[in-house]
Amino acid sequence: MLWGVLPYLVLAILVLGSIWRYRYDQFGWTTRSSQLYESRLLRIASPLFHFGILAVIVGHFVGLVIPKTWMDAIGLNEDTYHFFALSVGILAGVATLVGIVLLIYRRRATGPVFMATTRNDKGMYIFLLAAILTGLATTVFSVFDTNIVNYRDTVAPWFRSVFILQPDITGMTAASMSFKIHTVFGLVLFALWPFTRLVHAFTAPVHYLFRPYIVYRSRGRRPVPGSRTPRGGWDPVGTPDRDRPGGP
């Protein structure tokens, strides 16, 4: 049930749920930015989490999708692979963990941000944090516990076999318990994905990671009743006055 049925159930929920969300809730297909309420902590937490999770995704892709034999064919032996996997994995995991903890603290400590938090968001944060913690713990345990079975011989073949409709249940069964727990939390998180703010990841462009933050400006003082409301517009930046209409 866990390794032969649950993955396909999660995939069905992920695909169909995303289609349903896009068709009936396009205006909700967003992170619902809360920068207006608090920005100081967000400047630190958001880059830590997003760049950290991007590195984690790349690491998972390399470890699960690329077969071990391919790594051997290009001369990347087991010791070298594990050195890079552990060093980069721990660094990315710690950055992601610190980022999500700061984001959760900000959401709980900032009143308007907490008021805008839905039940789906709260459930998502629980399973996202659990997936990050178990993944980081598994990475750390593999350094000190020699009895942990190599995931490239168990979890990775099972992961690839799911997409060819021939799930390698015996391979996943042979994996260490820490990998199984991490995988279950990951599957539940993907099942919740279409119904939370995480859905924005499917449409976020690459430059989103490098864009400047949105600047919110006040409208200024309210106009006197009966007076004409000035039209809004952009003031040119770095342009000499002589190039402006009406300038000297």
Protein backbone atom coordinates (compact mmCIF):
# COMPACT_ATOMS: atom_id res chain seq x y z
CA MET A 1 0.00 0.00 0.00
CA LEU A 2 2.75 2.47 0.91
CA TRP A 3 5.15 1.85 -1.95
CA GLY A 4 2.88 0.39 -4.65
CA VAL A 5 -0.43 2.23 -4.28
CA LEU A 6 0.15 5.47 -2.36
CA PRO A 7 2.56 6.98 -4.94
CA TYR A 8 -0.05 6.72 -7.72
CA LEU A 9 -2.77 8.07 -5.46
CA VAL A 10 -0.55 11.07 -4.65
CA LEU A 11 0.27 11.62 -8.34
CA ALA A 12 -3.43 11.56 -9.22
CA ILE A 13 -4.25 14.09 -6.49
CA LEU A 14 -1.32 16.29 -7.52
CA VAL A 15 -2.24 16.39 -11.21
CA LEU A 16 -6.03 16.50 -10.93
CA GLY A 17 -5.94 18.83 -7.94
CA SER A 18 -3.67 21.27 -9.79
CA ILE A 19 -5.98 21.24 -12.83
CA TRP A 20 -9.01 21.85 -10.62
CA ARG A 21 -7.24 24.66 -8.75
CA TYR A 22 -6.24 26.36 -11.99
CA ARG A 23 -9.72 26.14 -13.47
CA TYR A 24 -11.71 27.27 -10.46
CA ASP A 25 -9.28 29.33 -8.38
CA GLN A 26 -6.92 31.17 -10.71
CA PHE A 27 -7.04 34.29 -8.55
CA GLY A 28 -5.90 32.18 -5.60
CA TRP A 29 -2.95 30.74 -7.55
CA THR A 30 -0.49 32.90 -5.65
CA THR A 31 1.60 33.10 -2.50
CA ARG A 32 -0.65 35.90 -1.21
CA SER A 33 2.27 38.24 -0.52
CA SER A 34 2.45 39.59 3.03
CA GLN A 35 5.44 41.89 2.52
CA LEU A 36 3.16 44.86 3.13
CA TYR A 37 2.78 43.80 6.78
CA GLU A 38 6.41 42.91 7.53
CA SER A 39 9.50 43.04 5.33
CA ARG A 40 12.61 43.12 7.55
CA LEU A 41 12.53 39.44 8.55
CA LEU A 42 11.17 38.45 5.14
CA ARG A 43 14.33 39.75 3.45
CA ILE A 44 16.35 37.18 5.36
CA ALA A 45 13.98 34.22 5.58
CA SER A 46 12.67 34.17 2.01
CA PRO A 47 16.04 33.95 0.18
CA LEU A 48 17.32 31.37 2.68
CA PHE A 49 14.31 29.15 2.15
CA HIS A 50 13.93 29.54 -1.62
CA PHE A 51 17.59 29.14 -2.56
CA GLY A 52 17.95 26.34 -0.02
CA ILE A 53 14.95 24.42 -1.31
CA LEU A 54 16.17 24.89 -4.89
CA ALA A 55 19.49 23.26 -3.96
CA VAL A 56 17.60 20.47 -2.17
CA ILE A 57 15.49 19.80 -5.28
CA VAL A 58 18.59 19.65 -7.47
CA GLY A 59 20.22 17.26 -5.01
CA HIS A 60 17.16 15.00 -4.97
CA PHE A 61 17.10 14.98 -8.76
CA VAL A 62 20.74 13.93 -8.99
CA GLY A 63 20.40 11.27 -6.29
CA LEU A 64 17.07 9.76 -7.35
CA VAL A 65 16.82 10.22 -11.11
CA ILE A 66 20.41 9.69 -12.30
CA PRO A 67 21.35 5.99 -11.93
CA LYS A 68 24.42 5.05 -9.97
CA THR A 69 25.92 3.30 -13.02
CA TRP A 70 25.90 6.59 -14.93
CA MET A 71 27.93 8.24 -12.18
CA ASP A 72 30.41 5.37 -12.27
CA ALA A 73 30.67 5.67 -16.05
CA ILE A 74 31.88 9.29 -15.84
CA GLY A 75 34.42 8.41 -13.15
CA LEU A 76 32.55 9.76 -10.10
CA ASN A 77 33.22 7.08 -7.50
CA GLU A 78 31.12 6.41 -4.41
CA ASP A 79 33.33 8.28 -1.96
CA THR A 80 33.48 11.45 -4.07
CA TYR A 81 29.75 11.39 -4.70
CA HIS A 82 28.92 11.02 -1.01
CA PHE A 83 31.34 13.79 -0.05
CA PHE A 84 29.60 16.29 -2.33
CA ALA A 85 26.14 14.93 -1.54
CA LEU A 86 26.65 15.23 2.22
CA SER A 87 28.41 18.59 2.23
CA VAL A 88 26.02 20.29 -0.18
CA GLY A 89 23.01 18.45 1.24
CA ILE A 90 23.69 19.50 4.83
CA LEU A 91 24.38 23.11 3.82
CA ALA A 92 21.21 23.31 1.71
CA GLY A 93 19.16 21.53 4.35
CA VAL A 94 20.29 23.86 7.14
CA ALA A 95 19.59 26.94 5.01
CA THR A 96 16.13 25.63 4.13
CA LEU A 97 15.38 24.75 7.75
CA VAL A 98 16.47 28.14 9.08
CA GLY A 99 14.47 29.86 6.35
CA ILE A 100 11.23 27.97 7.02
CA VAL A 101 11.57 28.38 10.80
CA LEU A 102 11.98 32.15 10.37
CA LEU A 103 9.02 32.27 8.00
CA ILE A 104 6.84 30.36 10.46
CA TYR A 105 7.97 32.58 13.33
CA ARG A 106 7.22 35.69 11.26
CA ARG A 107 3.79 34.38 10.33
CA ARG A 108 2.96 33.62 13.96
CA ALA A 109 4.46 36.76 15.50
CA THR A 110 3.11 39.29 12.98
CA GLY A 111 -0.58 39.81 13.67
CA PRO A 112 -1.86 40.70 10.16
CA VAL A 113 0.22 37.91 8.61
CA PHE A 114 -1.15 35.37 11.09
CA MET A 115 -4.70 36.56 10.43
CA ALA A 116 -4.19 35.81 6.72
CA THR A 117 -2.99 32.25 7.43
CA THR A 118 -5.51 29.58 6.42
CA ARG A 119 -5.93 26.07 7.83
CA ASN A 120 -4.44 24.67 4.65
CA ASP A 121 -1.37 26.84 5.20
CA LYS A 122 -0.96 25.55 8.75
CA GLY A 123 -1.19 21.93 7.62
CA MET A 124 1.23 22.62 4.80
CA TYR A 125 3.78 24.15 7.18
CA ILE A 126 3.59 21.10 9.45
CA PHE A 127 4.32 18.57 6.71
CA LEU A 128 6.84 20.83 4.95
CA LEU A 129 8.79 21.24 8.18
CA ALA A 130 8.53 17.51 8.88
CA ALA A 131 9.84 16.64 5.41
CA ILE A 132 12.77 19.05 5.80
CA LEU A 133 13.63 17.80 9.31
CA THR A 134 13.49 14.12 8.40
CA GLY A 135 15.48 14.70 5.23
CA LEU A 136 18.18 16.62 7.07
CA ALA A 137 18.23 14.05 9.87
CA THR A 138 18.64 11.23 7.37
CA THR A 139 21.57 13.03 5.77
CA VAL A 140 23.27 13.57 9.13
CA PHE A 141 22.58 10.01 10.33
CA SER A 142 24.16 8.56 7.19
CA VAL A 143 27.47 10.15 8.22
CA PHE A 144 27.63 8.47 11.63
CA ASP A 145 25.57 5.30 11.17
CA THR A 146 27.22 2.77 8.87
CA ASN A 147 24.15 0.51 9.05
CA ILE A 148 22.00 2.88 6.99
CA VAL A 149 21.35 1.30 3.59
CA ASN A 150 22.49 3.38 0.61
CA TYR A 151 19.43 5.10 -0.86
CA ARG A 152 20.94 4.85 -4.36
CA ASP A 153 20.44 1.08 -4.13
CA THR A 154 16.93 1.18 -2.65
CA VAL A 155 14.97 4.44 -2.77
CA ALA A 156 16.33 5.64 -6.13
CA PRO A 157 15.42 2.45 -8.10
CA TRP A 158 11.96 2.50 -6.49
CA PHE A 159 11.46 6.18 -7.38
CA ARG A 160 12.35 5.60 -11.04
CA SER A 161 10.27 2.44 -11.24
CA VAL A 162 7.13 4.31 -10.20
CA PHE A 163 7.20 6.35 -13.41
CA ILE A 164 7.46 3.29 -15.63
CA LEU A 165 4.45 1.73 -13.85
CA GLN A 166 6.54 -1.09 -12.37
CA PRO A 167 7.07 -0.06 -8.72
CA ASP A 168 10.06 -1.78 -7.14
CA ILE A 169 8.38 -2.45 -3.80
CA THR A 170 11.10 -4.80 -2.58
CA GLY A 171 13.75 -2.14 -3.16
CA MET A 172 11.91 0.44 -1.07
CA THR A 173 11.16 -2.15 1.61
CA ALA A 174 14.91 -2.76 1.98
CA ALA A 175 15.57 0.96 2.65
CA SER A 176 16.38 2.20 6.14
CA MET A 177 13.51 3.41 8.31
CA SER A 178 14.67 7.04 8.19
CA PHE A 179 14.33 7.06 4.39
CA LYS A 180 10.86 5.53 4.63
CA ILE A 181 9.67 8.17 7.10
CA HIS A 182 11.09 10.97 4.96
CA THR A 183 9.42 9.53 1.86
CA VAL A 184 6.01 9.28 3.54
CA PHE A 185 6.14 12.90 4.68
CA GLY A 186 7.18 13.89 1.16
CA LEU A 187 4.26 12.01 -0.40
CA VAL A 188 1.75 13.62 1.96
CA LEU A 189 3.23 17.04 1.20
CA PHE A 190 2.78 16.52 -2.54
CA ALA A 191 -0.83 15.44 -1.95
CA LEU A 192 -1.47 18.73 -0.13
CA TRP A 193 0.45 20.76 -2.72
CA PRO A 194 -2.42 21.77 -5.07
CA PHE A 195 -4.55 23.06 -2.19
CA THR A 196 -1.97 25.36 -0.57
CA ARG A 197 0.15 28.37 -1.49
CA LEU A 198 2.87 25.98 -2.67
CA VAL A 199 1.03 25.68 -5.97
CA HIS A 200 2.65 28.92 -7.13
CA ALA A 201 5.90 26.99 -7.64
CA PHE A 202 4.45 25.47 -10.82
CA THR A 203 4.23 28.86 -12.53
CA ALA A 204 6.96 30.93 -10.85
CA PRO A 205 9.48 32.06 -13.50
CA VAL A 206 13.18 31.60 -12.88
CA HIS A 207 13.79 35.34 -12.56
CA TYR A 208 11.42 35.38 -9.58
CA LEU A 209 14.35 34.26 -7.43
CA PHE A 210 16.36 37.31 -8.43
CA ARG A 211 13.70 40.01 -8.77
CA PRO A 212 13.72 42.98 -6.39
CA TYR A 213 11.06 43.17 -3.73
CA ILE A 214 7.86 45.04 -4.53
CA VAL A 215 7.91 48.54 -3.09
CA TYR A 216 4.66 49.75 -1.59
CA ARG A 217 4.20 53.51 -1.57
CA SER A 218 1.64 55.61 0.26
CA ARG A 219 -0.86 57.68 -1.67
CA GLY A 220 0.00 60.63 0.55
CA ARG A 221 -2.52 63.01 2.08
CA ARG A 222 -6.13 62.72 1.05
CA PRO A 223 -7.35 65.49 -1.30
CA VAL A 224 -9.53 68.26 0.03
CA PRO A 225 -13.24 67.54 -0.65
CA GLY A 226 -14.27 69.19 -3.89
CA SER A 227 -10.73 69.44 -5.27
CA ARG A 228 -9.53 67.53 -8.29
CA THR A 229 -7.79 64.26 -7.51
CA PRO A 230 -4.32 64.20 -9.11
CA ARG A 231 -3.72 61.44 -11.59
CA GLY A 232 -1.30 58.72 -10.60
CA GLY A 233 1.79 58.01 -12.60
CA TRP A 234 5.47 57.15 -12.53
CA ASP A 235 8.11 59.79 -11.87
CA PRO A 236 11.17 59.31 -14.09
CA VAL A 237 14.24 58.15 -12.22
CA GLY A 238 17.67 59.50 -13.12
CA THR A 239 16.30 61.71 -15.91
CA PRO A 240 17.46 65.34 -16.17
CA ASP A 241 14.78 67.99 -15.70
CA ARG A 242 15.29 69.30 -19.22
CA ASP A 243 14.01 65.98 -20.60
CA ARG A 244 10.79 66.18 -18.62
CA PRO A 245 7.69 67.81 -20.04
CA GLY A 246 7.57 71.40 -18.83
CA GLY A 247 11.18 71.28 -17.66
CA PRO A 248 13.72 74.09 -18.18
